[in-house]
N, C-alpha and C. Protein backbone atom coordinates (compact mmCIF):
# COMPACT_ATOMS: atom_id res chain seq x y z
N UNK A 1 -68.04 19.82 19.43
CA UNK A 1 -66.76 20.17 20.03
C UNK A 1 -65.91 18.91 20.19
N UNK A 2 -64.63 19.10 20.10
CA UNK A 2 -63.69 17.99 20.18
C UNK A 2 -63.71 17.33 21.56
N UNK A 3 -63.33 16.06 21.59
CA UNK A 3 -63.18 15.35 22.86
C UNK A 3 -61.78 14.79 23.00
N UNK A 4 -60.89 15.22 22.13
CA UNK A 4 -59.48 14.83 22.18
C UNK A 4 -58.63 16.07 22.40
N UNK A 5 -57.41 15.90 22.86
CA UNK A 5 -56.56 17.07 23.06
C UNK A 5 -56.45 17.91 21.80
N UNK A 6 -56.49 19.21 21.97
CA UNK A 6 -56.38 20.14 20.84
C UNK A 6 -55.75 21.43 21.31
N UNK A 7 -55.07 22.11 20.42
CA UNK A 7 -54.46 23.40 20.76
C UNK A 7 -55.42 24.56 20.47
N UNK A 8 -56.64 24.27 20.07
CA UNK A 8 -57.60 25.33 19.78
C UNK A 8 -58.30 25.78 21.06
N UNK A 9 -58.14 27.05 21.38
CA UNK A 9 -58.90 27.66 22.48
C UNK A 9 -60.11 28.35 21.87
N UNK A 10 -61.28 27.88 22.23
CA UNK A 10 -62.52 28.43 21.70
C UNK A 10 -62.93 29.62 22.57
N UNK A 11 -63.32 30.70 21.92
CA UNK A 11 -63.80 31.88 22.65
C UNK A 11 -65.27 32.10 22.34
N UNK A 12 -65.96 32.69 23.30
CA UNK A 12 -67.37 33.05 23.16
C UNK A 12 -67.51 34.52 23.50
N UNK A 13 -68.58 35.15 23.02
CA UNK A 13 -68.75 36.58 23.32
C UNK A 13 -68.89 36.84 24.83
N UNK A 14 -68.25 37.89 25.29
CA UNK A 14 -68.38 38.32 26.67
C UNK A 14 -69.68 39.10 26.80
N UNK A 15 -70.62 38.66 27.65
CA UNK A 15 -71.88 39.38 27.78
C UNK A 15 -71.75 40.73 28.46
N UNK A 16 -70.57 41.02 29.04
CA UNK A 16 -70.34 42.30 29.72
C UNK A 16 -68.99 42.89 29.30
N UNK A 17 -68.80 43.16 28.00
CA UNK A 17 -67.49 43.59 27.52
C UNK A 17 -67.05 44.97 28.02
N UNK A 18 -67.99 45.79 28.46
CA UNK A 18 -67.63 47.13 28.93
C UNK A 18 -67.26 47.17 30.41
N UNK A 19 -67.49 46.08 31.11
CA UNK A 19 -67.17 46.02 32.53
C UNK A 19 -65.82 45.34 32.72
N UNK A 20 -64.99 45.91 33.57
CA UNK A 20 -63.71 45.29 33.91
C UNK A 20 -63.97 44.37 35.10
N UNK A 21 -63.71 43.08 34.91
CA UNK A 21 -63.87 42.11 35.99
C UNK A 21 -62.85 41.00 35.82
N UNK A 22 -62.67 40.23 36.88
CA UNK A 22 -61.64 39.19 36.92
C UNK A 22 -62.25 37.81 36.83
N UNK A 23 -61.54 36.93 36.13
CA UNK A 23 -61.91 35.52 36.03
C UNK A 23 -60.66 34.71 36.37
N UNK A 24 -60.82 33.72 37.24
CA UNK A 24 -59.71 32.82 37.57
C UNK A 24 -60.16 31.39 37.34
N UNK A 25 -59.35 30.65 36.60
CA UNK A 25 -59.61 29.24 36.32
C UNK A 25 -58.40 28.46 36.80
N UNK A 26 -58.65 27.29 37.38
CA UNK A 26 -57.55 26.51 37.95
C UNK A 26 -57.81 25.02 37.75
N UNK A 27 -56.74 24.30 37.45
CA UNK A 27 -56.81 22.84 37.38
C UNK A 27 -55.54 22.25 37.97
N UNK A 28 -55.71 21.17 38.69
CA UNK A 28 -54.55 20.47 39.25
C UNK A 28 -54.21 19.23 38.42
N UNK A 29 -54.79 19.13 37.24
CA UNK A 29 -54.62 17.93 36.41
C UNK A 29 -53.66 18.14 35.23
N UNK A 30 -52.80 19.14 35.29
CA UNK A 30 -51.90 19.43 34.17
C UNK A 30 -50.66 18.54 34.25
N UNK A 31 -50.26 18.00 33.11
CA UNK A 31 -48.99 17.27 33.01
C UNK A 31 -48.30 17.61 31.70
N UNK A 32 -46.99 17.58 31.75
CA UNK A 32 -46.14 17.67 30.58
C UNK A 32 -44.93 16.79 30.88
N UNK A 33 -44.13 16.52 29.89
CA UNK A 33 -42.97 15.64 30.09
C UNK A 33 -41.71 16.47 30.30
N UNK A 34 -40.86 16.02 31.18
CA UNK A 34 -39.56 16.65 31.40
C UNK A 34 -38.67 16.38 30.19
N UNK A 35 -38.10 17.43 29.57
CA UNK A 35 -37.23 17.21 28.41
C UNK A 35 -35.95 16.46 28.73
N UNK A 36 -35.53 16.48 29.99
CA UNK A 36 -34.28 15.81 30.37
C UNK A 36 -34.49 14.33 30.66
N UNK A 37 -35.59 13.98 31.32
CA UNK A 37 -35.78 12.60 31.78
C UNK A 37 -36.91 11.87 31.07
N UNK A 38 -37.81 12.62 30.44
CA UNK A 38 -38.99 12.01 29.82
C UNK A 38 -40.07 11.65 30.83
N UNK A 39 -39.83 11.93 32.10
CA UNK A 39 -40.80 11.64 33.15
C UNK A 39 -41.87 12.74 33.19
N UNK A 40 -43.08 12.41 33.63
CA UNK A 40 -44.13 13.43 33.70
C UNK A 40 -43.87 14.44 34.81
N UNK A 41 -44.16 15.69 34.51
CA UNK A 41 -44.16 16.76 35.49
C UNK A 41 -45.61 17.16 35.71
N UNK A 42 -46.03 17.23 36.96
CA UNK A 42 -47.41 17.55 37.31
C UNK A 42 -47.46 18.97 37.85
N UNK A 43 -48.54 19.68 37.51
CA UNK A 43 -48.67 21.06 37.97
C UNK A 43 -50.13 21.45 38.16
N UNK A 44 -50.31 22.43 39.01
CA UNK A 44 -51.58 23.13 39.08
C UNK A 44 -51.41 24.38 38.23
N UNK A 45 -52.29 24.55 37.25
CA UNK A 45 -52.26 25.72 36.38
C UNK A 45 -53.38 26.65 36.80
N UNK A 46 -53.03 27.91 37.01
CA UNK A 46 -54.01 28.92 37.36
C UNK A 46 -53.94 30.03 36.31
N UNK A 47 -55.06 30.30 35.68
CA UNK A 47 -55.14 31.38 34.69
C UNK A 47 -56.08 32.44 35.25
N UNK A 48 -55.55 33.63 35.39
CA UNK A 48 -56.32 34.76 35.89
C UNK A 48 -56.35 35.79 34.77
N UNK A 49 -57.55 36.27 34.42
CA UNK A 49 -57.60 37.26 33.35
C UNK A 49 -58.75 38.23 33.52
N UNK A 50 -58.63 39.37 32.82
CA UNK A 50 -59.71 40.34 32.71
C UNK A 50 -60.17 40.30 31.26
N UNK A 51 -61.36 39.78 31.02
CA UNK A 51 -61.82 39.61 29.64
C UNK A 51 -62.02 40.95 28.92
N UNK A 52 -61.83 40.88 27.63
CA UNK A 52 -62.20 41.98 26.75
C UNK A 52 -63.52 41.60 26.10
N UNK A 53 -63.51 41.45 24.80
CA UNK A 53 -64.74 41.11 24.06
C UNK A 53 -65.07 39.62 24.13
N UNK A 54 -64.12 38.79 24.59
CA UNK A 54 -64.33 37.34 24.57
C UNK A 54 -64.03 36.68 25.91
N UNK A 55 -64.67 35.55 26.12
CA UNK A 55 -64.37 34.65 27.23
C UNK A 55 -63.83 33.36 26.64
N UNK A 56 -63.00 32.65 27.36
CA UNK A 56 -62.52 31.35 26.90
C UNK A 56 -63.47 30.27 27.40
N UNK A 57 -63.92 29.45 26.48
CA UNK A 57 -64.85 28.36 26.81
C UNK A 57 -64.07 27.30 27.58
N UNK A 58 -64.65 26.84 28.70
CA UNK A 58 -63.90 25.99 29.64
C UNK A 58 -63.53 24.61 29.11
N UNK A 59 -64.42 23.97 28.36
CA UNK A 59 -64.06 22.64 27.86
C UNK A 59 -62.88 22.74 26.88
N UNK A 60 -62.87 23.78 26.07
CA UNK A 60 -61.74 23.94 25.14
C UNK A 60 -60.45 24.19 25.91
N UNK A 61 -60.54 24.90 27.04
CA UNK A 61 -59.35 25.10 27.87
C UNK A 61 -58.85 23.78 28.43
N UNK A 62 -59.77 22.94 28.88
CA UNK A 62 -59.39 21.62 29.40
C UNK A 62 -58.67 20.80 28.33
N UNK A 63 -59.24 20.76 27.11
CA UNK A 63 -58.64 19.99 26.02
C UNK A 63 -57.31 20.59 25.58
N UNK A 64 -57.22 21.92 25.63
CA UNK A 64 -55.97 22.60 25.30
C UNK A 64 -54.87 22.19 26.29
N UNK A 65 -55.16 22.29 27.58
CA UNK A 65 -54.16 21.93 28.59
C UNK A 65 -53.79 20.46 28.49
N UNK A 66 -54.75 19.63 28.16
CA UNK A 66 -54.52 18.20 27.98
C UNK A 66 -53.52 17.93 26.85
N UNK A 67 -53.46 18.83 25.86
CA UNK A 67 -52.60 18.62 24.69
C UNK A 67 -51.11 18.61 25.04
N UNK A 68 -50.75 19.10 26.21
CA UNK A 68 -49.34 19.13 26.61
C UNK A 68 -48.88 17.81 27.22
N UNK A 69 -49.80 16.91 27.46
CA UNK A 69 -49.52 15.67 28.19
C UNK A 69 -48.39 14.84 27.58
N UNK A 70 -48.30 14.78 26.27
CA UNK A 70 -47.29 13.95 25.61
C UNK A 70 -46.17 14.76 24.96
N UNK A 71 -46.02 16.00 25.40
CA UNK A 71 -44.98 16.87 24.86
C UNK A 71 -43.94 17.16 25.95
N UNK A 72 -42.72 17.43 25.52
CA UNK A 72 -41.64 17.77 26.45
C UNK A 72 -41.46 19.28 26.50
N UNK A 73 -41.53 19.84 27.71
CA UNK A 73 -41.35 21.29 27.89
C UNK A 73 -40.71 21.55 29.25
N UNK A 74 -39.84 22.54 29.29
CA UNK A 74 -39.36 23.03 30.57
C UNK A 74 -40.49 23.82 31.22
N UNK A 75 -40.48 23.91 32.53
CA UNK A 75 -41.55 24.59 33.26
C UNK A 75 -41.76 26.02 32.78
N UNK A 76 -40.67 26.74 32.62
CA UNK A 76 -40.75 28.15 32.22
C UNK A 76 -41.33 28.28 30.81
N UNK A 77 -40.93 27.38 29.92
CA UNK A 77 -41.39 27.43 28.54
C UNK A 77 -42.88 27.16 28.43
N UNK A 78 -43.36 26.10 29.07
CA UNK A 78 -44.77 25.73 28.92
C UNK A 78 -45.67 26.81 29.53
N UNK A 79 -45.23 27.44 30.62
CA UNK A 79 -46.03 28.49 31.23
C UNK A 79 -46.19 29.67 30.27
N UNK A 80 -45.11 30.05 29.61
CA UNK A 80 -45.17 31.16 28.66
C UNK A 80 -45.93 30.79 27.39
N UNK A 81 -45.85 29.55 26.94
CA UNK A 81 -46.63 29.10 25.78
C UNK A 81 -48.12 29.22 26.09
N UNK A 82 -48.53 28.78 27.28
CA UNK A 82 -49.94 28.86 27.66
C UNK A 82 -50.40 30.31 27.66
N UNK A 83 -49.60 31.20 28.24
CA UNK A 83 -49.97 32.62 28.25
C UNK A 83 -50.08 33.17 26.84
N UNK A 84 -49.09 32.91 26.00
CA UNK A 84 -49.11 33.42 24.62
C UNK A 84 -50.34 32.95 23.86
N UNK A 85 -50.65 31.66 23.96
CA UNK A 85 -51.81 31.11 23.25
C UNK A 85 -53.11 31.68 23.80
N UNK A 86 -53.19 31.84 25.11
CA UNK A 86 -54.39 32.38 25.74
C UNK A 86 -54.63 33.81 25.28
N UNK A 87 -53.60 34.63 25.29
CA UNK A 87 -53.71 36.03 24.85
C UNK A 87 -54.09 36.11 23.38
N UNK A 88 -53.49 35.27 22.55
CA UNK A 88 -53.80 35.29 21.11
C UNK A 88 -55.27 34.94 20.85
N UNK A 89 -55.81 34.00 21.61
CA UNK A 89 -57.19 33.57 21.40
C UNK A 89 -58.20 34.52 22.03
N UNK A 90 -57.99 34.90 23.28
CA UNK A 90 -59.01 35.65 24.03
C UNK A 90 -58.88 37.16 23.91
N UNK A 91 -57.69 37.65 23.60
CA UNK A 91 -57.44 39.08 23.53
C UNK A 91 -57.97 39.81 24.78
N UNK A 92 -57.49 39.39 25.95
CA UNK A 92 -57.98 39.97 27.20
C UNK A 92 -57.38 41.35 27.47
N UNK A 93 -57.90 42.01 28.47
CA UNK A 93 -57.29 43.25 28.95
C UNK A 93 -56.00 42.93 29.71
N UNK A 94 -56.05 41.83 30.44
CA UNK A 94 -54.93 41.40 31.27
C UNK A 94 -55.01 39.89 31.40
N UNK A 95 -53.85 39.22 31.48
CA UNK A 95 -53.82 37.78 31.72
C UNK A 95 -52.56 37.41 32.49
N UNK A 96 -52.72 36.44 33.36
CA UNK A 96 -51.62 35.92 34.16
C UNK A 96 -51.75 34.40 34.22
N UNK A 97 -50.64 33.71 34.03
CA UNK A 97 -50.62 32.26 34.16
C UNK A 97 -49.60 31.90 35.24
N UNK A 98 -50.06 31.08 36.19
CA UNK A 98 -49.18 30.57 37.23
C UNK A 98 -49.18 29.05 37.12
N UNK A 99 -47.98 28.48 37.06
CA UNK A 99 -47.83 27.02 37.02
C UNK A 99 -47.08 26.62 38.29
N UNK A 100 -47.76 25.87 39.13
CA UNK A 100 -47.20 25.43 40.41
C UNK A 100 -46.91 23.93 40.28
N UNK A 101 -45.66 23.61 40.00
CA UNK A 101 -45.25 22.22 39.75
C UNK A 101 -44.99 21.49 41.05
N UNK A 102 -45.30 20.20 41.05
CA UNK A 102 -45.03 19.39 42.24
C UNK A 102 -43.52 19.24 42.40
N UNK A 103 -43.11 18.95 43.60
CA UNK A 103 -41.69 18.83 43.92
C UNK A 103 -41.05 17.71 43.09
N UNK A 104 -39.92 18.05 42.51
CA UNK A 104 -39.17 17.08 41.70
C UNK A 104 -37.71 17.22 42.07
N UNK A 105 -37.09 16.14 42.47
CA UNK A 105 -35.68 16.20 42.87
C UNK A 105 -35.46 17.11 44.06
N UNK A 106 -36.48 17.26 44.89
CA UNK A 106 -36.36 18.09 46.08
C UNK A 106 -36.57 19.58 45.82
N UNK A 107 -36.93 19.95 44.59
CA UNK A 107 -37.11 21.37 44.25
C UNK A 107 -38.55 21.62 43.83
N UNK A 108 -39.15 22.62 44.47
CA UNK A 108 -40.51 23.05 44.15
C UNK A 108 -40.41 24.27 43.23
N UNK A 109 -41.06 24.21 42.07
CA UNK A 109 -40.99 25.29 41.10
C UNK A 109 -42.36 25.90 40.87
N UNK A 110 -42.41 27.24 40.95
CA UNK A 110 -43.62 27.99 40.61
C UNK A 110 -43.20 29.03 39.57
N UNK A 111 -43.87 29.02 38.42
CA UNK A 111 -43.57 29.98 37.36
C UNK A 111 -44.81 30.85 37.16
N UNK A 112 -44.62 32.17 37.16
CA UNK A 112 -45.72 33.09 36.94
C UNK A 112 -45.32 34.07 35.85
N UNK A 113 -46.21 34.26 34.88
CA UNK A 113 -45.97 35.21 33.81
C UNK A 113 -47.26 35.97 33.55
N UNK A 114 -47.13 37.21 33.10
CA UNK A 114 -48.33 38.03 32.88
C UNK A 114 -48.21 38.85 31.61
N UNK A 115 -49.36 39.31 31.15
CA UNK A 115 -49.45 40.14 29.95
C UNK A 115 -50.51 41.21 30.20
N UNK A 116 -50.21 42.43 29.78
CA UNK A 116 -51.17 43.54 29.84
C UNK A 116 -51.36 44.10 28.45
N UNK A 117 -52.55 44.54 28.17
CA UNK A 117 -52.87 45.09 26.85
C UNK A 117 -51.87 46.17 26.44
N UNK A 118 -51.40 46.98 27.39
CA UNK A 118 -50.44 48.04 27.07
C UNK A 118 -49.14 47.48 26.48
N UNK A 119 -48.78 46.24 26.84
CA UNK A 119 -47.57 45.63 26.33
C UNK A 119 -47.63 45.46 24.82
N UNK A 120 -48.83 45.26 24.31
CA UNK A 120 -48.99 45.06 22.86
C UNK A 120 -48.49 46.29 22.10
N UNK A 121 -48.82 47.48 22.57
CA UNK A 121 -48.40 48.69 21.87
C UNK A 121 -46.93 49.00 22.16
N UNK A 122 -46.44 48.65 23.36
CA UNK A 122 -45.04 48.88 23.67
C UNK A 122 -44.12 48.02 22.83
N UNK A 123 -44.55 46.81 22.46
CA UNK A 123 -43.71 45.89 21.71
C UNK A 123 -43.70 46.14 20.21
N UNK A 124 -44.40 47.12 19.75
CA UNK A 124 -44.42 47.41 18.30
C UNK A 124 -43.35 48.35 17.90
């Protein structure tokens, strides 16, 4: 497995694919660059999901999140990118990403986005 930042989210078989259950993963070590200033933006990223046939392997998630460190993204954009990539890789029943950014310029920003399996059929 890689030890450098990568956009590949590795999935493993879910040992309980017929059971609906919740998984929450959180890290306070997320950074991306502000597109306006080039300064780092720090956030706690929380991913909550209900697995389908796959689980996301945690080290790959760490390396995936690390890959944003040298890229410029607005808070809203990076949160939705993470959700889109997570859903594409894991194909969960449900997924939610919350990005809680540290205060910048006196403003505290929290972005939350979600996806449900039903949305896939509605968007076709």
